[in-house]
Structures are given as structure tokens and as C-alpha cells.
Amino acid sequence: MARHLKKSYSIWSDWINYFLNTPRLNTLIESTNQFEKEEYSKRILQRLDIGVTEYSVLNIHRIGIEVPVRYVYEELLHWDGESVYWPNKLAKVSRIEGHLEHIQILLFGLNKLLFDLTSLFSRHITPLFKLDAIKFQHTPGQSDPDNARYLLYRCSGGYPIGIFSIYARSSIPEQNEKEQTQLFFIVAFNFYGKKQWFYTYLINALWKKIHNRVTGNVLNRIKELFESKFNSVIENQSNTADGADV
């Protein structure tokens, strides 16, 4: 396990690790014009069978991980409020009834604004994100040459109406992808369900600035953690085999 990666222990530590820290590897896939955005939208439609052209925000991040796709995907199935690659003190992952199919991302881990001994006067807070599964692809499709697996969610909550996906596939050498796995975080949505409104440009720009920094750090931490864990497994297996031969 990556020894210097630790689980969130305070809001301040999350702020340093995910907001102030500059990600080692840039993960943002930028679409600099409408044509590129349309091309990425077509690829998402082909791979996830869902359209994203109706959304004003389309944000894609990618990182290469030198670990098999299956290992990456199975590790991501453990994503929860204890994951060391996620800012759980600032935006806690809360599984509904323990299930990955329904997740809330809670600001500061809170789901109630007021507390008392009886909870009669507590008022619930709308989560930052509410994720409800549309489709989980646990094994590659029969005609899939890229060995793809993914989690696809309908996204709602405090402000977004759209979709969110975590997508892993084998790297494609023809595209100069060197690691075994390419991992994507994809989010497409409209603020408050409105594609165009008075504050669209300002809010989109501010949101992207924050989201890009946090997502970049999340993916860099996933890469470091998963590569370290996988290498430890291989090393332990090798030592066990060597010991058996003695």
C-alpha cells in the first residue's frame, strides 16, 4: 500500500491534499471547441449508450494505471466513506443502505442541519450529489475489444442534473497509451436542470476550476494507491512461491 496516502482525518487535510495540492499528472481531457465536444459526446454515446449533448457541462478526466483493468475495476467497487483517495471529510461518500447502486455525496459528511436529542427538529440537507445506478458493466461486452468495465449513474442533488460515470478500459497503443489501464471520470450535467441561464458561464468556469483540481488529485491518488497495492500482491505471491521452492 502507498505508505504516505492516508485516509481523510480533517477538513483541513482534505483542503491541502485535494484543493491546494497540484496533481503530479494532468488528467483533464480538454475540448477547446464545439467540434471536439461533439466528438467526445459521440464516443460516450458509443461506449456508454447514453447521450450527453443536452448538458451544458461535459467534463472528462483520464489517467493511465500500470495495473490490469479487472483489478482497477474491482478495487473501485469498494468506493465508500473510507476510501483513502477521496476527500471524505469535505465530501463524504455515503452508500444508501450499504449499496453501491445508490450513493450520496454529503458536504462535510452532514445530512442534517440541526441536531437535538430527539431529532424531531432536525432538517435534512440536500446532498451535493445523489447518484443512482443506470448500469454497471462488470465484465466486458462480447464485441468489446477494449476490455471495458464501468459504473454509470444518474446524477442529481444540490445542483446537478445529469450523469456520472467511472470507466476503465485497456490502453490502446495506437493512441500512445502506455499503461495497462486507462481510467476515466466522466460527468455531464446542467446546473439546476437548466442548460442556459443568466449565471451559466460564471458558474461553469468556477465549478470547473474546483472540480478539475479535486478530480486530478483523486485520480493521481488512485493511480499511486492501486499500483502500490497491486505490486505488493505480486511481490507477496513471488515470495510465497520462492519459499515453497526452498
C-alpha atoms as a PDB file:
ATOM      1  CA  MET A   1       0.000   0.000   0.000  1.00  0.00           C
ATOM      2  CA  ALA A   2       1.175   3.526  -0.754  1.00  0.00           C
ATOM      3  CA  ARG A   3       2.501   4.413   2.681  1.00  0.00           C
ATOM      4  CA  HIS A   4       2.117   8.178   2.539  1.00  0.00           C
ATOM      5  CA  LEU A   5      -1.508   8.053   1.381  1.00  0.00           C
ATOM      6  CA  LYS A   6      -3.750   8.295   4.395  1.00  0.00           C
ATOM      7  CA  LYS A   7      -7.494   8.364   4.911  1.00  0.00           C
ATOM      8  CA  SER A   8      -9.064  11.791   5.386  1.00  0.00           C
ATOM      9  CA  TYR A   9      -8.736  12.873   9.008  1.00  0.00           C
ATOM     10  CA  SER A  10      -9.809  16.530   8.899  1.00  0.00           C
ATOM     11  CA  ILE A  11     -11.359  19.148   6.622  1.00  0.00           C
ATOM     12  CA  TRP A  12      -8.014  20.946   6.607  1.00  0.00           C
ATOM     13  CA  SER A  13      -6.101  17.858   5.421  1.00  0.00           C
ATOM     14  CA  ASP A  14      -8.605  17.389   2.601  1.00  0.00           C
ATOM     15  CA  TRP A  15      -8.253  21.028   1.646  1.00  0.00           C
ATOM     16  CA  ILE A  16      -4.466  20.644   1.410  1.00  0.00           C
ATOM     17  CA  ASN A  17      -4.489  17.277  -0.384  1.00  0.00           C
ATOM     18  CA  TYR A  18      -7.251  17.939  -2.897  1.00  0.00           C
ATOM     19  CA  PHE A  19      -7.547  21.722  -3.363  1.00  0.00           C
ATOM     20  CA  LEU A  20      -4.119  23.235  -2.648  1.00  0.00           C
ATOM     21  CA  ASN A  21      -2.002  20.371  -3.960  1.00  0.00           C
ATOM     22  CA  THR A  22      -1.160  20.441  -7.681  1.00  0.00           C
ATOM     23  CA  PRO A  23      -1.719  16.982  -9.216  1.00  0.00           C
ATOM     24  CA  ARG A  24       1.524  15.363 -10.396  1.00  0.00           C
ATOM     25  CA  LEU A  25      -0.063  14.258 -13.681  1.00  0.00           C
ATOM     26  CA  ASN A  26      -2.537  16.369 -15.601  1.00  0.00           C
ATOM     27  CA  THR A  27      -5.735  14.354 -16.093  1.00  0.00           C
ATOM     28  CA  LEU A  28      -8.106  16.784 -17.801  1.00  0.00           C
ATOM     29  CA  ILE A  29      -9.197  15.992 -21.350  1.00  0.00           C
ATOM     30  CA  GLU A  30      -9.898  19.432 -22.751  1.00  0.00           C
ATOM     31  CA  SER A  31     -12.337  20.154 -25.549  1.00  0.00           C
ATOM     32  CA  THR A  32     -11.270  23.531 -26.874  1.00  0.00           C
ATOM     33  CA  ASN A  33     -14.138  23.952 -29.317  1.00  0.00           C
ATOM     34  CA  GLN A  34     -17.644  22.720 -30.089  1.00  0.00           C
ATOM     35  CA  PHE A  35     -16.395  20.188 -32.660  1.00  0.00           C
ATOM     36  CA  GLU A  36     -14.194  18.419 -30.093  1.00  0.00           C
ATOM     37  CA  LYS A  37     -17.024  18.416 -27.560  1.00  0.00           C
ATOM     38  CA  GLU A  38     -19.292  16.773 -30.126  1.00  0.00           C
ATOM     39  CA  GLU A  39     -16.633  14.143 -30.883  1.00  0.00           C
ATOM     40  CA  TYR A  40     -16.299  13.246 -27.192  1.00  0.00           C
ATOM     41  CA  SER A  41     -20.092  13.150 -26.914  1.00  0.00           C
ATOM     42  CA  LYS A  42     -20.215  10.622 -29.782  1.00  0.00           C
ATOM     43  CA  ARG A  43     -17.605   8.431 -28.073  1.00  0.00           C
ATOM     44  CA  ILE A  44     -19.553   8.496 -24.823  1.00  0.00           C
ATOM     45  CA  LEU A  45     -22.727   7.538 -26.677  1.00  0.00           C
ATOM     46  CA  GLN A  46     -20.910   4.638 -28.368  1.00  0.00           C
ATOM     47  CA  ARG A  47     -19.332   3.315 -25.185  1.00  0.00           C
ATOM     48  CA  LEU A  48     -21.964   4.068 -22.540  1.00  0.00           C
ATOM     49  CA  ASP A  49     -25.074   4.085 -24.734  1.00  0.00           C
ATOM     50  CA  ILE A  50     -26.180   7.401 -23.271  1.00  0.00           C
ATOM     51  CA  GLY A  51     -26.334  10.867 -24.811  1.00  0.00           C
ATOM     52  CA  VAL A  52     -24.756  13.939 -23.223  1.00  0.00           C
ATOM     53  CA  THR A  53     -25.381  16.648 -25.832  1.00  0.00           C
ATOM     54  CA  GLU A  54     -28.261  18.065 -23.776  1.00  0.00           C
ATOM     55  CA  TYR A  55     -25.892  19.113 -20.978  1.00  0.00           C
ATOM     56  CA  SER A  56     -24.006  22.408 -20.720  1.00  0.00           C
ATOM     57  CA  VAL A  57     -21.161  20.829 -18.725  1.00  0.00           C
ATOM     58  CA  LEU A  58     -19.150  17.913 -20.116  1.00  0.00           C
ATOM     59  CA  ASN A  59     -16.059  17.190 -18.030  1.00  0.00           C
ATOM     60  CA  ILE A  60     -13.713  14.244 -18.674  1.00  0.00           C
ATOM     61  CA  HIS A  61     -10.576  13.225 -16.798  1.00  0.00           C
ATOM     62  CA  ARG A  62      -8.258  10.314 -17.597  1.00  0.00           C
ATOM     63  CA  ILE A  63      -5.210   8.662 -16.060  1.00  0.00           C
ATOM     64  CA  GLY A  64      -3.106   5.657 -17.023  1.00  0.00           C
ATOM     65  CA  ILE A  65      -2.575   2.973 -14.374  1.00  0.00           C
ATOM     66  CA  GLU A  66       0.010   0.188 -14.675  1.00  0.00           C
ATOM     67  CA  VAL A  67      -2.410  -2.407 -13.310  1.00  0.00           C
ATOM     68  CA  PRO A  68      -4.825  -4.775 -15.123  1.00  0.00           C
ATOM     69  CA  VAL A  69      -8.290  -3.384 -15.888  1.00  0.00           C
ATOM     70  CA  ARG A  70     -10.046  -6.033 -13.828  1.00  0.00           C
ATOM     71  CA  TYR A  71      -8.002  -5.179 -10.734  1.00  0.00           C
ATOM     72  CA  VAL A  72      -8.695  -1.447 -11.110  1.00  0.00           C
ATOM     73  CA  TYR A  73     -12.419  -2.005 -11.539  1.00  0.00           C
ATOM     74  CA  GLU A  74     -12.747  -4.418  -8.625  1.00  0.00           C
ATOM     75  CA  GLU A  75     -10.900  -2.003  -6.350  1.00  0.00           C
ATOM     76  CA  LEU A  76     -13.281   0.782  -7.368  1.00  0.00           C
ATOM     77  CA  LEU A  77     -16.229  -1.363  -6.301  1.00  0.00           C
ATOM     78  CA  HIS A  78     -15.065  -0.678  -2.719  1.00  0.00           C
ATOM     79  CA  TRP A  79     -15.516   3.101  -3.133  1.00  0.00           C
ATOM     80  CA  ASP A  80     -17.062   4.430   0.090  1.00  0.00           C
ATOM     81  CA  GLY A  81     -16.603   6.795   3.008  1.00  0.00           C
ATOM     82  CA  GLU A  82     -13.334   5.095   3.990  1.00  0.00           C
ATOM     83  CA  SER A  83     -11.566   5.354   0.614  1.00  0.00           C
ATOM     84  CA  VAL A  84      -8.152   6.989   1.056  1.00  0.00           C
ATOM     85  CA  TYR A  85      -8.233   8.530  -2.427  1.00  0.00           C
ATOM     86  CA  TRP A  86     -11.413  10.540  -1.765  1.00  0.00           C
ATOM     87  CA  PRO A  87     -11.877  13.790   0.301  1.00  0.00           C
ATOM     88  CA  ASN A  88     -14.333  12.201   2.699  1.00  0.00           C
ATOM     89  CA  LYS A  89     -14.162  14.958   5.304  1.00  0.00           C
ATOM     90  CA  LEU A  90     -15.196  17.584   2.776  1.00  0.00           C
ATOM     91  CA  ALA A  91     -17.459  15.468   0.558  1.00  0.00           C
ATOM     92  CA  LYS A  92     -18.256  12.171   2.215  1.00  0.00           C
ATOM     93  CA  VAL A  93     -19.323   9.147   0.186  1.00  0.00           C
ATOM     94  CA  SER A  94     -22.416   7.681   1.842  1.00  0.00           C
ATOM     95  CA  ARG A  95     -23.842   4.453   0.429  1.00  0.00           C
ATOM     96  CA  ILE A  96     -27.604   4.151   0.836  1.00  0.00           C
ATOM     97  CA  GLU A  97     -28.221   1.029   2.924  1.00  0.00           C
ATOM     98  CA  GLY A  98     -24.646  -0.002   2.137  1.00  0.00           C
ATOM     99  CA  HIS A  99     -25.229  -0.380  -1.600  1.00  0.00           C
ATOM    100  CA  LEU A 100     -23.017   0.976  -4.387  1.00  0.00           C
ATOM    101  CA  GLU A 101     -26.094   1.410  -6.596  1.00  0.00           C
ATOM    102  CA  HIS A 102     -27.303   4.409  -4.565  1.00  0.00           C
ATOM    103  CA  ILE A 103     -24.819   6.936  -3.188  1.00  0.00           C
ATOM    104  CA  GLN A 104     -24.981  10.378  -1.641  1.00  0.00           C
ATOM    105  CA  ILE A 105     -22.025  12.782  -1.557  1.00  0.00           C
ATOM    106  CA  LEU A 106     -22.508  14.797   1.632  1.00  0.00           C
ATOM    107  CA  LEU A 107     -20.901  18.189   2.267  1.00  0.00           C
ATOM    108  CA  PHE A 108     -18.757  17.808   5.436  1.00  0.00           C
ATOM    109  CA  GLY A 109     -20.436  14.430   5.902  1.00  0.00           C
ATOM    110  CA  LEU A 110     -23.633  16.072   7.143  1.00  0.00           C
ATOM    111  CA  ASN A 111     -27.148  15.096   6.147  1.00  0.00           C
ATOM    112  CA  LYS A 112     -28.917  17.185   8.810  1.00  0.00           C
ATOM    113  CA  LEU A 113     -28.658  20.884   9.502  1.00  0.00           C
ATOM    114  CA  LEU A 114     -29.835  20.885  13.114  1.00  0.00           C
ATOM    115  CA  PHE A 115     -29.489  18.236  15.785  1.00  0.00           C
ATOM    116  CA  ASP A 116     -31.156  17.650  19.101  1.00  0.00           C
ATOM    117  CA  LEU A 117     -31.542  14.669  21.402  1.00  0.00           C
ATOM    118  CA  THR A 118     -34.804  13.534  19.837  1.00  0.00           C
ATOM    119  CA  SER A 119     -34.028  14.568  16.217  1.00  0.00           C
ATOM    120  CA  LEU A 120     -37.611  15.827  15.973  1.00  0.00           C
ATOM    121  CA  PHE A 121     -36.479  19.244  14.819  1.00  0.00           C
ATOM    122  CA  SER A 122     -33.616  18.190  12.568  1.00  0.00           C
ATOM    123  CA  ARG A 123     -33.792  19.422   8.998  1.00  0.00           C
ATOM    124  CA  HIS A 124     -32.259  17.351   6.222  1.00  0.00           C
ATOM    125  CA  ILE A 125     -29.641  18.876   3.936  1.00  0.00           C
ATOM    126  CA  THR A 126     -29.740  18.213   0.205  1.00  0.00           C
ATOM    127  CA  PRO A 127     -26.611  16.211  -0.726  1.00  0.00           C
ATOM    128  CA  LEU A 128     -24.048  17.707  -3.093  1.00  0.00           C
ATOM    129  CA  PHE A 129     -24.616  14.738  -5.389  1.00  0.00           C
ATOM    130  CA  LYS A 130     -27.080  11.912  -5.394  1.00  0.00           C
ATOM    131  CA  LEU A 131     -26.013   9.010  -7.605  1.00  0.00           C
ATOM    132  CA  ASP A 132     -28.472   6.334  -8.714  1.00  0.00           C
ATOM    133  CA  ALA A 133     -27.215   3.476 -10.856  1.00  0.00           C
ATOM    134  CA  ILE A 134     -28.265   3.315 -14.504  1.00  0.00           C
ATOM    135  CA  LYS A 135     -25.962   0.443 -15.441  1.00  0.00           C
ATOM    136  CA  PHE A 136     -22.926  -1.394 -14.071  1.00  0.00           C
ATOM    137  CA  GLN A 137     -20.816  -3.200 -16.675  1.00  0.00           C
ATOM    138  CA  HIS A 138     -18.909  -5.717 -14.538  1.00  0.00           C
ATOM    139  CA  THR A 139     -17.498  -7.711 -17.457  1.00  0.00           C
ATOM    140  CA  PRO A 140     -16.562  -6.641 -20.996  1.00  0.00           C
ATOM    141  CA  GLY A 141     -19.168  -6.994 -23.721  1.00  0.00           C
ATOM    142  CA  GLN A 142     -18.713  -9.837 -26.216  1.00  0.00           C
ATOM    143  CA  SER A 143     -17.820  -7.432 -29.036  1.00  0.00           C
ATOM    144  CA  ASP A 144     -15.747  -5.068 -26.876  1.00  0.00           C
ATOM    145  CA  PRO A 145     -12.084  -5.053 -27.972  1.00  0.00           C
ATOM    146  CA  ASP A 146     -11.057  -2.655 -25.184  1.00  0.00           C
ATOM    147  CA  ASN A 147     -11.912  -4.833 -22.162  1.00  0.00           C
ATOM    148  CA  ALA A 148     -14.106  -2.062 -20.735  1.00  0.00           C
ATOM    149  CA  ARG A 149     -15.927  -2.021 -17.395  1.00  0.00           C
ATOM    150  CA  TYR A 150     -17.843   0.881 -15.894  1.00  0.00           C
ATOM    151  CA  LEU A 151     -20.226   2.350 -13.346  1.00  0.00           C
ATOM    152  CA  LEU A 152     -22.868   4.664 -14.825  1.00  0.00           C
ATOM    153  CA  TYR A 153     -25.116   6.802 -12.609  1.00  0.00           C
ATOM    154  CA  ARG A 154     -27.961   9.245 -12.937  1.00  0.00           C
ATOM    155  CA  CYS A 155     -26.810  12.356 -11.087  1.00  0.00           C
ATOM    156  CA  SER A 156     -28.972  14.779  -9.086  1.00  0.00           C
ATOM    157  CA  GLY A 157     -28.758  16.515  -5.709  1.00  0.00           C
ATOM    158  CA  GLY A 158     -27.773  20.026  -4.701  1.00  0.00           C
ATOM    159  CA  TYR A 159     -27.236  21.465  -8.174  1.00  0.00           C
ATOM    160  CA  PRO A 160     -26.519  18.874 -10.931  1.00  0.00           C
ATOM    161  CA  ILE A 161     -28.992  17.124 -13.182  1.00  0.00           C
ATOM    162  CA  GLY A 162     -27.145  14.716 -15.457  1.00  0.00           C
ATOM    163  CA  ILE A 163     -24.911  11.643 -15.439  1.00  0.00           C
ATOM    164  CA  PHE A 164     -21.662  10.464 -13.840  1.00  0.00           C
ATOM    165  CA  SER A 165     -19.501   7.528 -14.902  1.00  0.00           C
ATOM    166  CA  ILE A 166     -16.325   5.800 -13.781  1.00  0.00           C
ATOM    167  CA  TYR A 167     -14.997   3.985 -16.852  1.00  0.00           C
ATOM    168  CA  ALA A 168     -11.963   1.675 -17.134  1.00  0.00           C
ATOM    169  CA  ARG A 169     -10.588   0.065 -20.283  1.00  0.00           C
ATOM    170  CA  SER A 170      -7.384  -1.411 -21.653  1.00  0.00           C
ATOM    171  CA  SER A 171      -4.918   1.071 -23.085  1.00  0.00           C
ATOM    172  CA  ILE A 172      -4.725   1.486 -26.855  1.00  0.00           C
ATOM    173  CA  PRO A 173      -1.107   1.507 -28.120  1.00  0.00           C
ATOM    174  CA  GLU A 174      -2.136   3.259 -31.341  1.00  0.00           C
ATOM    175  CA  GLN A 175      -3.167   6.222 -29.196  1.00  0.00           C
ATOM    176  CA  ASN A 176       0.211   6.227 -27.389  1.00  0.00           C
ATOM    177  CA  GLU A 177      -1.345   4.905 -24.170  1.00  0.00           C
ATOM    178  CA  LYS A 178       1.419   3.053 -22.352  1.00  0.00           C
ATOM    179  CA  GLU A 179      -0.077   1.788 -19.080  1.00  0.00           C
ATOM    180  CA  GLN A 180      -2.252  -1.334 -18.885  1.00  0.00           C
ATOM    181  CA  THR A 181      -5.412   0.565 -17.924  1.00  0.00           C
ATOM    182  CA  GLN A 182      -6.959   3.904 -18.788  1.00  0.00           C
ATOM    183  CA  LEU A 183      -9.345   5.154 -16.091  1.00  0.00           C
ATOM    184  CA  PHE A 184     -11.895   7.891 -16.872  1.00  0.00           C
ATOM    185  CA  PHE A 185     -14.100  10.040 -14.655  1.00  0.00           C
ATOM    186  CA  ILE A 186     -16.928  11.487 -16.782  1.00  0.00           C
ATOM    187  CA  VAL A 187     -19.555  13.961 -15.612  1.00  0.00           C
ATOM    188  CA  ALA A 188     -22.179  15.727 -17.747  1.00  0.00           C
ATOM    189  CA  PHE A 189     -24.960  17.861 -16.292  1.00  0.00           C
ATOM    190  CA  ASN A 190     -26.927  21.102 -16.215  1.00  0.00           C
ATOM    191  CA  PHE A 191     -26.903  23.307 -13.134  1.00  0.00           C
ATOM    192  CA  TYR A 192     -30.331  23.023 -11.514  1.00  0.00           C
ATOM    193  CA  GLY A 193     -31.533  21.290 -14.680  1.00  0.00           C
ATOM    194  CA  LYS A 194     -31.158  24.430 -16.828  1.00  0.00           C
ATOM    195  CA  LYS A 195     -28.906  24.287 -19.890  1.00  0.00           C
ATOM    196  CA  GLN A 196     -28.880  28.077 -20.264  1.00  0.00           C
ATOM    197  CA  TRP A 197     -29.411  30.621 -17.522  1.00  0.00           C
ATOM    198  CA  PHE A 198     -28.056  34.013 -16.516  1.00  0.00           C
ATOM    199  CA  TYR A 199     -25.087  32.730 -14.492  1.00  0.00           C
ATOM    200  CA  THR A 200     -24.132  29.787 -16.765  1.00  0.00           C
ATOM    201  CA  TYR A 201     -20.692  30.999 -17.889  1.00  0.00           C
ATOM    202  CA  LEU A 202     -19.542  32.273 -14.488  1.00  0.00           C
ATOM    203  CA  ILE A 203     -20.764  29.257 -12.515  1.00  0.00           C
ATOM    204  CA  ASN A 204     -19.441  26.752 -15.075  1.00  0.00           C
ATOM    205  CA  ALA A 205     -15.982  28.358 -15.032  1.00  0.00           C
ATOM    206  CA  LEU A 206     -15.798  28.397 -11.222  1.00  0.00           C
ATOM    207  CA  TRP A 207     -17.110  24.835 -10.917  1.00  0.00           C
ATOM    208  CA  LYS A 208     -14.595  23.510 -13.473  1.00  0.00           C
ATOM    209  CA  LYS A 209     -11.686  25.195 -11.713  1.00  0.00           C
ATOM    210  CA  ILE A 210     -12.555  23.486  -8.428  1.00  0.00           C
ATOM    211  CA  HIS A 211     -13.631  20.172  -9.946  1.00  0.00           C
ATOM    212  CA  ASN A 212     -10.555  19.839 -12.157  1.00  0.00           C
ATOM    213  CA  ARG A 213      -8.172  20.291  -9.244  1.00  0.00           C
ATOM    214  CA  VAL A 214     -10.027  17.842  -6.981  1.00  0.00           C
ATOM    215  CA  THR A 215     -10.564  15.200  -9.681  1.00  0.00           C
ATOM    216  CA  GLY A 216      -6.939  15.440 -10.788  1.00  0.00           C
ATOM    217  CA  ASN A 217      -5.789  14.736  -7.239  1.00  0.00           C
ATOM    218  CA  VAL A 218      -8.304  11.898  -6.814  1.00  0.00           C
ATOM    219  CA  LEU A 219      -7.102  10.150  -9.979  1.00  0.00           C
ATOM    220  CA  ASN A 220      -3.432  10.637  -9.123  1.00  0.00           C
ATOM    221  CA  ARG A 221      -4.045   9.124  -5.705  1.00  0.00           C
ATOM    222  CA  ILE A 222      -5.949   6.203  -7.251  1.00  0.00           C
ATOM    223  CA  LYS A 223      -3.030   5.541  -9.592  1.00  0.00           C
ATOM    224  CA  GLU A 224      -0.469   5.630  -6.797  1.00  0.00           C
ATOM    225  CA  LEU A 225      -2.560   3.530  -4.432  1.00  0.00           C
ATOM    226  CA  PHE A 226      -3.642   0.841  -6.909  1.00  0.00           C
ATOM    227  CA  GLU A 227      -0.171   0.426  -8.422  1.00  0.00           C
ATOM    228  CA  SER A 228       1.370   0.131  -4.977  1.00  0.00           C
ATOM    229  CA  LYS A 229      -1.223  -2.375  -3.753  1.00  0.00           C
ATOM    230  CA  PHE A 230      -1.004  -4.486  -6.894  1.00  0.00           C
ATOM    231  CA  ASN A 231       2.797  -4.551  -6.809  1.00  0.00           C
ATOM    232  CA  SER A 232       2.649  -5.633  -3.163  1.00  0.00           C
ATOM    233  CA  VAL A 233       0.322  -8.508  -4.099  1.00  0.00           C
ATOM    234  CA  ILE A 234       2.664  -9.629  -6.886  1.00  0.00           C
ATOM    235  CA  GLU A 235       5.682  -9.352  -4.604  1.00  0.00           C
ATOM    236  CA  ASN A 236       3.989 -11.393  -1.861  1.00  0.00           C
ATOM    237  CA  GLN A 237       2.985 -14.065  -4.363  1.00  0.00           C
ATOM    238  CA  SER A 238       6.553 -14.208  -5.655  1.00  0.00           C
ATOM    239  CA  ASN A 239       7.978 -14.527  -2.136  1.00  0.00           C
ATOM    240  CA  THR A 240       5.471 -17.285  -1.313  1.00  0.00           C
ATOM    241  CA  ALA A 241       6.428 -19.172  -4.463  1.00  0.00           C
ATOM    242  CA  ASP A 242      10.121 -18.784  -3.713  1.00  0.00           C
ATOM    243  CA  GLY A 243       9.569 -20.042  -0.198  1.00  0.00           C
ATOM    244  CA  ALA A 244       7.692 -23.088  -1.470  1.00  0.00           C
ATOM    245  CA  ASP A 245      10.641 -23.976  -3.687  1.00  0.00           C
ATOM    246  CA  VAL A 246      13.095 -23.975  -0.814  1.00  0.00           C
END
